[in-house]
């Protein structure tokens, strides 16, 4: 069984003050361990909250997240 991966396609996010943080962001992450590093204030936490579904992308952006519990031990 192939586990789903995480894919973001054309994701955009605008901060509450109106400044854009992401625009046309495309990411594909497979089942391997992945780290996210960057300087303070560049949007790591916002990206994590988008992936967790706590925040919604700007209308028109798609955020597809899938998990496969049967493959976590493998």
PDB file of N, CA and C in Angstrom:
ATOM      1  N   UNK A   1       0.845  -1.191   0.000  1.00  0.00           N
ATOM      2  CA  UNK A   1       0.000   0.000   0.000  1.00  0.00           C
ATOM      3  C   UNK A   1       0.881   1.242   0.000  1.00  0.00           C
ATOM      4  N   UNK A   2       0.605   2.155  -0.887  1.00  0.00           N
ATOM      5  CA  UNK A   2       1.351   3.401  -0.953  1.00  0.00           C
ATOM      6  C   UNK A   2       0.644   4.450  -0.108  1.00  0.00           C
ATOM      7  N   UNK A   3       1.395   5.055   0.774  1.00  0.00           N
ATOM      8  CA  UNK A   3       0.819   6.098   1.630  1.00  0.00           C
ATOM      9  C   UNK A   3       0.690   7.404   0.855  1.00  0.00           C
ATOM     10  N   UNK A   4      -0.344   8.153   1.138  1.00  0.00           N
ATOM     11  CA  UNK A   4      -0.469   9.466   0.514  1.00  0.00           C
ATOM     12  C   UNK A   4       0.648  10.383   0.993  1.00  0.00           C
ATOM     13  N   UNK A   5       0.941  11.357   0.205  1.00  0.00           N
ATOM     14  CA  UNK A   5       1.909  12.361   0.593  1.00  0.00           C
ATOM     15  C   UNK A   5       1.159  13.662   0.859  1.00  0.00           C
ATOM     16  N   UNK A   6       1.911  14.691   1.122  1.00  0.00           N
ATOM     17  CA  UNK A   6       1.320  15.993   1.393  1.00  0.00           C
ATOM     18  C   UNK A   6       1.620  16.883   0.197  1.00  0.00           C
ATOM     19  N   UNK A   7       0.621  17.528  -0.322  1.00  0.00           N
ATOM     20  CA  UNK A   7       0.805  18.385  -1.489  1.00  0.00           C
ATOM     21  C   UNK A   7       0.083  19.710  -1.296  1.00  0.00           C
ATOM     22  N   UNK A   8       0.777  20.785  -1.581  1.00  0.00           N
ATOM     23  CA  UNK A   8       0.177  22.117  -1.620  1.00  0.00           C
ATOM     24  C   UNK A   8       0.315  22.612  -3.051  1.00  0.00           C
ATOM     25  N   UNK A   9      -0.764  23.108  -3.611  1.00  0.00           N
ATOM     26  CA  UNK A   9      -0.735  23.607  -4.986  1.00  0.00           C
ATOM     27  C   UNK A   9      -1.285  25.022  -5.054  1.00  0.00           C
ATOM     28  N   UNK A  10      -0.477  25.920  -5.542  1.00  0.00           N
ATOM     29  CA  UNK A  10      -0.870  27.322  -5.758  1.00  0.00           C
ATOM     30  C   UNK A  10      -1.436  27.960  -4.497  1.00  0.00           C
ATOM     31  N   UNK A  11      -0.826  27.685  -3.356  1.00  0.00           N
ATOM     32  CA  UNK A  11      -1.309  28.218  -2.083  1.00  0.00           C
ATOM     33  C   UNK A  11      -0.829  29.655  -1.908  1.00  0.00           C
ATOM     34  N   UNK A  12      -1.732  30.495  -1.468  1.00  0.00           N
ATOM     35  CA  UNK A  12      -1.409  31.882  -1.150  1.00  0.00           C
ATOM     36  C   UNK A  12      -1.942  32.185   0.241  1.00  0.00           C
ATOM     37  N   UNK A  13      -1.232  33.043   0.960  1.00  0.00           N
ATOM     38  CA  UNK A  13      -1.694  33.454   2.284  1.00  0.00           C
ATOM     39  C   UNK A  13      -1.329  34.916   2.487  1.00  0.00           C
ATOM     40  N   UNK A  14      -2.280  35.674   3.006  1.00  0.00           N
ATOM     41  CA  UNK A  14      -2.084  37.091   3.284  1.00  0.00           C
ATOM     42  C   UNK A  14      -2.214  37.297   4.786  1.00  0.00           C
ATOM     43  N   UNK A  15      -1.261  38.007   5.362  1.00  0.00           N
ATOM     44  CA  UNK A  15      -1.282  38.301   6.798  1.00  0.00           C
ATOM     45  C   UNK A  15      -2.428  39.255   7.126  1.00  0.00           C
ATOM     46  N   UNK A  16      -2.836  39.306   8.404  1.00  0.00           N
ATOM     47  CA  UNK A  16      -3.947  40.198   8.789  1.00  0.00           C
ATOM     48  C   UNK A  16      -3.718  41.667   8.427  1.00  0.00           C
ATOM     49  N   UNK A  17      -2.448  42.095   8.343  1.00  0.00           N
ATOM     50  CA  UNK A  17      -2.185  43.495   7.977  1.00  0.00           C
ATOM     51  C   UNK A  17      -2.264  43.733   6.467  1.00  0.00           C
ATOM     52  N   UNK A  18      -2.565  42.667   5.696  1.00  0.00           N
ATOM     53  CA  UNK A  18      -2.730  42.796   4.252  1.00  0.00           C
ATOM     54  C   UNK A  18      -1.497  42.471   3.434  1.00  0.00           C
ATOM     55  N   UNK A  19      -0.365  42.233   4.088  1.00  0.00           N
ATOM     56  CA  UNK A  19       0.840  41.911   3.320  1.00  0.00           C
ATOM     57  C   UNK A  19       0.877  40.423   2.968  1.00  0.00           C
ATOM     58  N   UNK A  20       1.249  40.110   1.724  1.00  0.00           N
ATOM     59  CA  UNK A  20       1.291  38.704   1.301  1.00  0.00           C
ATOM     60  C   UNK A  20       2.474  37.970   1.932  1.00  0.00           C
ATOM     61  N   UNK A  21       2.228  36.750   2.397  1.00  0.00           N
ATOM     62  CA  UNK A  21       3.297  35.930   2.959  1.00  0.00           C
ATOM     63  C   UNK A  21       3.713  34.865   1.957  1.00  0.00           C
ATOM     64  N   UNK A  22       2.732  34.159   1.373  1.00  0.00           N
ATOM     65  CA  UNK A  22       2.982  33.162   0.335  1.00  0.00           C
ATOM     66  C   UNK A  22       2.162  33.537  -0.886  1.00  0.00           C
ATOM     67  N   UNK A  23       2.721  33.254  -2.043  1.00  0.00           N
ATOM     68  CA  UNK A  23       2.000  33.461  -3.285  1.00  0.00           C
ATOM     69  C   UNK A  23       2.398  32.354  -4.247  1.00  0.00           C
ATOM     70  N   UNK A  24       1.423  31.597  -4.735  1.00  0.00           N
ATOM     71  CA  UNK A  24       1.658  30.499  -5.676  1.00  0.00           C
ATOM     72  C   UNK A  24       2.674  29.495  -5.123  1.00  0.00           C
ATOM     73  N   UNK A  25       2.510  29.117  -3.859  1.00  0.00           N
ATOM     74  CA  UNK A  25       3.400  28.162  -3.192  1.00  0.00           C
ATOM     75  C   UNK A  25       3.021  26.744  -3.596  1.00  0.00           C
ATOM     76  N   UNK A  26       3.995  25.986  -4.078  1.00  0.00           N
ATOM     77  CA  UNK A  26       3.800  24.596  -4.479  1.00  0.00           C
ATOM     78  C   UNK A  26       4.814  23.731  -3.742  1.00  0.00           C
ATOM     79  N   UNK A  27       4.335  22.735  -2.998  1.00  0.00           N
ATOM     80  CA  UNK A  27       5.204  21.837  -2.234  1.00  0.00           C
ATOM     81  C   UNK A  27       4.662  20.424  -2.362  1.00  0.00           C
ATOM     82  N   UNK A  28       5.562  19.469  -2.503  1.00  0.00           N
ATOM     83  CA  UNK A  28       5.192  18.056  -2.440  1.00  0.00           C
ATOM     84  C   UNK A  28       6.140  17.394  -1.449  1.00  0.00           C
ATOM     85  N   UNK A  29       5.590  16.753  -0.424  1.00  0.00           N
ATOM     86  CA  UNK A  29       6.381  16.086   0.611  1.00  0.00           C
ATOM     87  C   UNK A  29       5.934  14.636   0.675  1.00  0.00           C
ATOM     88  N   UNK A  30       6.888  13.714   0.580  1.00  0.00           N
ATOM     89  CA  UNK A  30       6.529  12.296   0.682  1.00  0.00           C
ATOM     90  C   UNK A  30       6.576  11.847   2.144  1.00  0.00           C
ATOM     91  N   UNK A  31       6.537  10.540   2.382  1.00  0.00           N
ATOM     92  CA  UNK A  31       6.397  10.003   3.741  1.00  0.00           C
ATOM     93  C   UNK A  31       7.664  10.097   4.591  1.00  0.00           C
ATOM     94  N   UNK A  32       8.778  10.484   4.039  1.00  0.00           N
ATOM     95  CA  UNK A  32      10.015  10.553   4.821  1.00  0.00           C
ATOM     96  C   UNK A  32       9.993  11.742   5.769  1.00  0.00           C
ATOM     97  N   UNK A  33      10.858  11.700   6.773  1.00  0.00           N
ATOM     98  CA  UNK A  33      10.973  12.814   7.716  1.00  0.00           C
ATOM     99  C   UNK A  33      11.419  14.063   6.956  1.00  0.00           C
ATOM    100  N   UNK A  34      10.782  15.175   7.260  1.00  0.00           N
ATOM    101  CA  UNK A  34      11.078  16.436   6.586  1.00  0.00           C
ATOM    102  C   UNK A  34      11.173  17.533   7.627  1.00  0.00           C
ATOM    103  N   UNK A  35      12.172  18.375   7.507  1.00  0.00           N
ATOM    104  CA  UNK A  35      12.337  19.499   8.418  1.00  0.00           C
ATOM    105  C   UNK A  35      12.064  20.810   7.698  1.00  0.00           C
ATOM    106  N   UNK A  36      11.655  21.799   8.448  1.00  0.00           N
ATOM    107  CA  UNK A  36      11.400  23.125   7.904  1.00  0.00           C
ATOM    108  C   UNK A  36      12.225  24.109   8.716  1.00  0.00           C
ATOM    109  N   UNK A  37      13.175  24.747   8.076  1.00  0.00           N
ATOM    110  CA  UNK A  37      14.049  25.687   8.771  1.00  0.00           C
ATOM    111  C   UNK A  37      14.000  27.037   8.070  1.00  0.00           C
ATOM    112  N   UNK A  38      14.277  28.075   8.819  1.00  0.00           N
ATOM    113  CA  UNK A  38      14.306  29.415   8.250  1.00  0.00           C
ATOM    114  C   UNK A  38      14.470  30.448   9.344  1.00  0.00           C
ATOM    115  N   UNK A  39      14.739  31.656   8.940  1.00  0.00           N
ATOM    116  CA  UNK A  39      14.925  32.751   9.889  1.00  0.00           C
ATOM    117  C   UNK A  39      13.600  33.100  10.570  1.00  0.00           C
ATOM    118  N   UNK A  40      13.686  33.825  11.658  1.00  0.00           N
ATOM    119  CA  UNK A  40      12.494  34.287  12.370  1.00  0.00           C
ATOM    120  C   UNK A  40      11.632  35.158  11.458  1.00  0.00           C
ATOM    121  N   UNK A  41      10.327  34.918  11.525  1.00  0.00           N
ATOM    122  CA  UNK A  41       9.388  35.771  10.813  1.00  0.00           C
ATOM    123  C   UNK A  41       9.195  35.493   9.336  1.00  0.00           C
ATOM    124  N   UNK A  42       9.692  34.361   8.834  1.00  0.00           N
ATOM    125  CA  UNK A  42       9.547  34.089   7.401  1.00  0.00           C
ATOM    126  C   UNK A  42       8.329  33.240   7.070  1.00  0.00           C
ATOM    127  N   UNK A  43       7.579  32.760   8.088  1.00  0.00           N
ATOM    128  CA  UNK A  43       6.330  32.055   7.827  1.00  0.00           C
ATOM    129  C   UNK A  43       6.312  30.572   8.129  1.00  0.00           C
ATOM    130  N   UNK A  44       7.294  30.070   8.863  1.00  0.00           N
ATOM    131  CA  UNK A  44       7.315  28.636   9.193  1.00  0.00           C
ATOM    132  C   UNK A  44       6.085  28.226   9.993  1.00  0.00           C
ATOM    133  N   UNK A  45       5.740  28.979  11.001  1.00  0.00           N
ATOM    134  CA  UNK A  45       4.579  28.645  11.836  1.00  0.00           C
ATOM    135  C   UNK A  45       3.276  28.788  11.062  1.00  0.00           C
ATOM    136  N   UNK A  46       3.183  29.796  10.221  1.00  0.00           N
ATOM    137  CA  UNK A  46       1.982  29.966   9.396  1.00  0.00           C
ATOM    138  C   UNK A  46       1.837  28.782   8.450  1.00  0.00           C
ATOM    139  N   UNK A  47       2.935  28.346   7.837  1.00  0.00           N
ATOM    140  CA  UNK A  47       2.883  27.186   6.954  1.00  0.00           C
ATOM    141  C   UNK A  47       2.441  25.946   7.720  1.00  0.00           C
ATOM    142  N   UNK A  48       2.976  25.746   8.916  1.00  0.00           N
ATOM    143  CA  UNK A  48       2.571  24.597   9.736  1.00  0.00           C
ATOM    144  C   UNK A  48       1.087  24.676  10.088  1.00  0.00           C
ATOM    145  N   UNK A  49       0.590  25.867  10.391  1.00  0.00           N
ATOM    146  CA  UNK A  49      -0.828  26.026  10.722  1.00  0.00           C
ATOM    147  C   UNK A  49      -1.720  25.814   9.495  1.00  0.00           C
ATOM    148  N   UNK A  50      -1.243  26.183   8.313  1.00  0.00           N
ATOM    149  CA  UNK A  50      -1.979  25.880   7.079  1.00  0.00           C
ATOM    150  C   UNK A  50      -2.057  24.374   6.876  1.00  0.00           C
ATOM    151  N   UNK A  51      -0.938  23.691   7.077  1.00  0.00           N
ATOM    152  CA  UNK A  51      -0.904  22.240   6.907  1.00  0.00           C
ATOM    153  C   UNK A  51      -1.804  21.533   7.909  1.00  0.00           C
ATOM    154  N   UNK A  52      -1.901  22.094   9.120  1.00  0.00           N
ATOM    155  CA  UNK A  52      -2.739  21.502  10.162  1.00  0.00           C
ATOM    156  C   UNK A  52      -4.214  21.857   9.993  1.00  0.00           C
ATOM    157  N   UNK A  53      -4.524  22.767   9.088  1.00  0.00           N
ATOM    158  CA  UNK A  53      -5.911  23.166   8.878  1.00  0.00           C
ATOM    159  C   UNK A  53      -6.393  24.229   9.841  1.00  0.00           C
ATOM    160  N   UNK A  54      -5.488  24.802  10.625  1.00  0.00           N
ATOM    161  CA  UNK A  54      -5.866  25.869  11.559  1.00  0.00           C
ATOM    162  C   UNK A  54      -6.089  27.195  10.839  1.00  0.00           C
ATOM    163  N   UNK A  55      -5.412  27.381   9.718  1.00  0.00           N
ATOM    164  CA  UNK A  55      -5.579  28.572   8.893  1.00  0.00           C
ATOM    165  C   UNK A  55      -6.028  28.132   7.507  1.00  0.00           C
ATOM    166  N   UNK A  56      -6.714  29.010   6.817  1.00  0.00           N
ATOM    167  CA  UNK A  56      -7.158  28.723   5.452  1.00  0.00           C
ATOM    168  C   UNK A  56      -6.366  29.576   4.476  1.00  0.00           C
ATOM    169  N   UNK A  57      -5.988  29.002   3.323  1.00  0.00           N
ATOM    170  CA  UNK A  57      -5.295  29.809   2.320  1.00  0.00           C
ATOM    171  C   UNK A  57      -6.241  30.835   1.716  1.00  0.00           C
ATOM    172  N   UNK A  58      -5.665  31.793   1.010  1.00  0.00           N
ATOM    173  CA  UNK A  58      -6.449  32.789   0.298  1.00  0.00           C
ATOM    174  C   UNK A  58      -7.358  32.057  -0.687  1.00  0.00           C
ATOM    175  N   UNK A  59      -8.596  32.509  -0.872  1.00  0.00           N
ATOM    176  CA  UNK A  59      -9.486  31.841  -1.823  1.00  0.00           C
ATOM    177  C   UNK A  59      -8.808  31.631  -3.174  1.00  0.00           C
ATOM    178  N   UNK A  60      -8.995  30.436  -3.706  1.00  0.00           N
ATOM    179  CA  UNK A  60      -8.354  30.064  -4.958  1.00  0.00           C
ATOM    180  C   UNK A  60      -7.168  29.150  -4.743  1.00  0.00           C
ATOM    181  N   UNK A  61      -6.612  29.163  -3.537  1.00  0.00           N
ATOM    182  CA  UNK A  61      -5.512  28.263  -3.224  1.00  0.00           C
ATOM    183  C   UNK A  61      -6.055  26.923  -2.770  1.00  0.00           C
ATOM    184  N   UNK A  62      -5.298  25.884  -3.001  1.00  0.00           N
ATOM    185  CA  UNK A  62      -5.720  24.539  -2.604  1.00  0.00           C
ATOM    186  C   UNK A  62      -4.717  23.973  -1.619  1.00  0.00           C
ATOM    187  N   UNK A  63      -5.210  23.392  -0.550  1.00  0.00           N
ATOM    188  CA  UNK A  63      -4.347  22.794   0.458  1.00  0.00           C
ATOM    189  C   UNK A  63      -4.825  21.371   0.668  1.00  0.00           C
ATOM    190  N   UNK A  64      -4.113  20.408   0.116  1.00  0.00           N
ATOM    191  CA  UNK A  64      -4.514  19.003   0.213  1.00  0.00           C
ATOM    192  C   UNK A  64      -3.571  18.267   1.150  1.00  0.00           C
ATOM    193  N   UNK A  65      -4.100  17.766   2.241  1.00  0.00           N
ATOM    194  CA  UNK A  65      -3.299  17.041   3.221  1.00  0.00           C
ATOM    195  C   UNK A  65      -3.919  15.676   3.414  1.00  0.00           C
ATOM    196  N   UNK A  66      -3.114  14.635   3.339  1.00  0.00           N
ATOM    197  CA  UNK A  66      -3.615  13.271   3.526  1.00  0.00           C
ATOM    198  C   UNK A  66      -2.680  12.509   4.447  1.00  0.00           C
ATOM    199  N   UNK A  67      -3.228  11.629   5.248  1.00  0.00           N
ATOM    200  CA  UNK A  67      -2.430  10.822   6.168  1.00  0.00           C
ATOM    201  C   UNK A  67      -2.808   9.362   6.010  1.00  0.00           C
ATOM    202  N   UNK A  68      -1.864   8.491   6.304  1.00  0.00           N
ATOM    203  CA  UNK A  68      -2.100   7.058   6.192  1.00  0.00           C
ATOM    204  C   UNK A  68      -1.566   6.404   7.455  1.00  0.00           C
ATOM    205  N   UNK A  69      -2.433   6.089   8.388  1.00  0.00           N
ATOM    206  CA  UNK A  69      -1.984   5.536   9.664  1.00  0.00           C
ATOM    207  C   UNK A  69      -1.423   4.132   9.524  1.00  0.00           C
ATOM    208  N   UNK A  70      -1.806   3.382   8.502  1.00  0.00           N
ATOM    209  CA  UNK A  70      -1.307   2.013   8.362  1.00  0.00           C
ATOM    210  C   UNK A  70       0.150   1.971   7.940  1.00  0.00           C
ATOM    211  N   UNK A  71       0.694   3.071   7.460  1.00  0.00           N
ATOM    212  CA  UNK A  71       2.077   3.077   6.975  1.00  0.00           C
ATOM    213  C   UNK A  71       3.043   3.759   7.932  1.00  0.00           C
ATOM    214  N   UNK A  72       2.595   4.224   9.050  1.00  0.00           N
ATOM    215  CA  UNK A  72       3.475   4.965   9.949  1.00  0.00           C
ATOM    216  C   UNK A  72       4.535   4.093  10.601  1.00  0.00           C
ATOM    217  N   UNK A  73       4.301   2.806  10.696  1.00  0.00           N
ATOM    218  CA  UNK A  73       5.285   1.926  11.311  1.00  0.00           C
ATOM    219  C   UNK A  73       6.348   1.463  10.325  1.00  0.00           C
ATOM    220  N   UNK A  74       6.159   1.692   9.044  1.00  0.00           N
ATOM    221  CA  UNK A  74       7.038   1.166   8.016  1.00  0.00           C
ATOM    222  C   UNK A  74       8.075   2.078   7.539  1.00  0.00           C
TER     223      UNK A  74
END
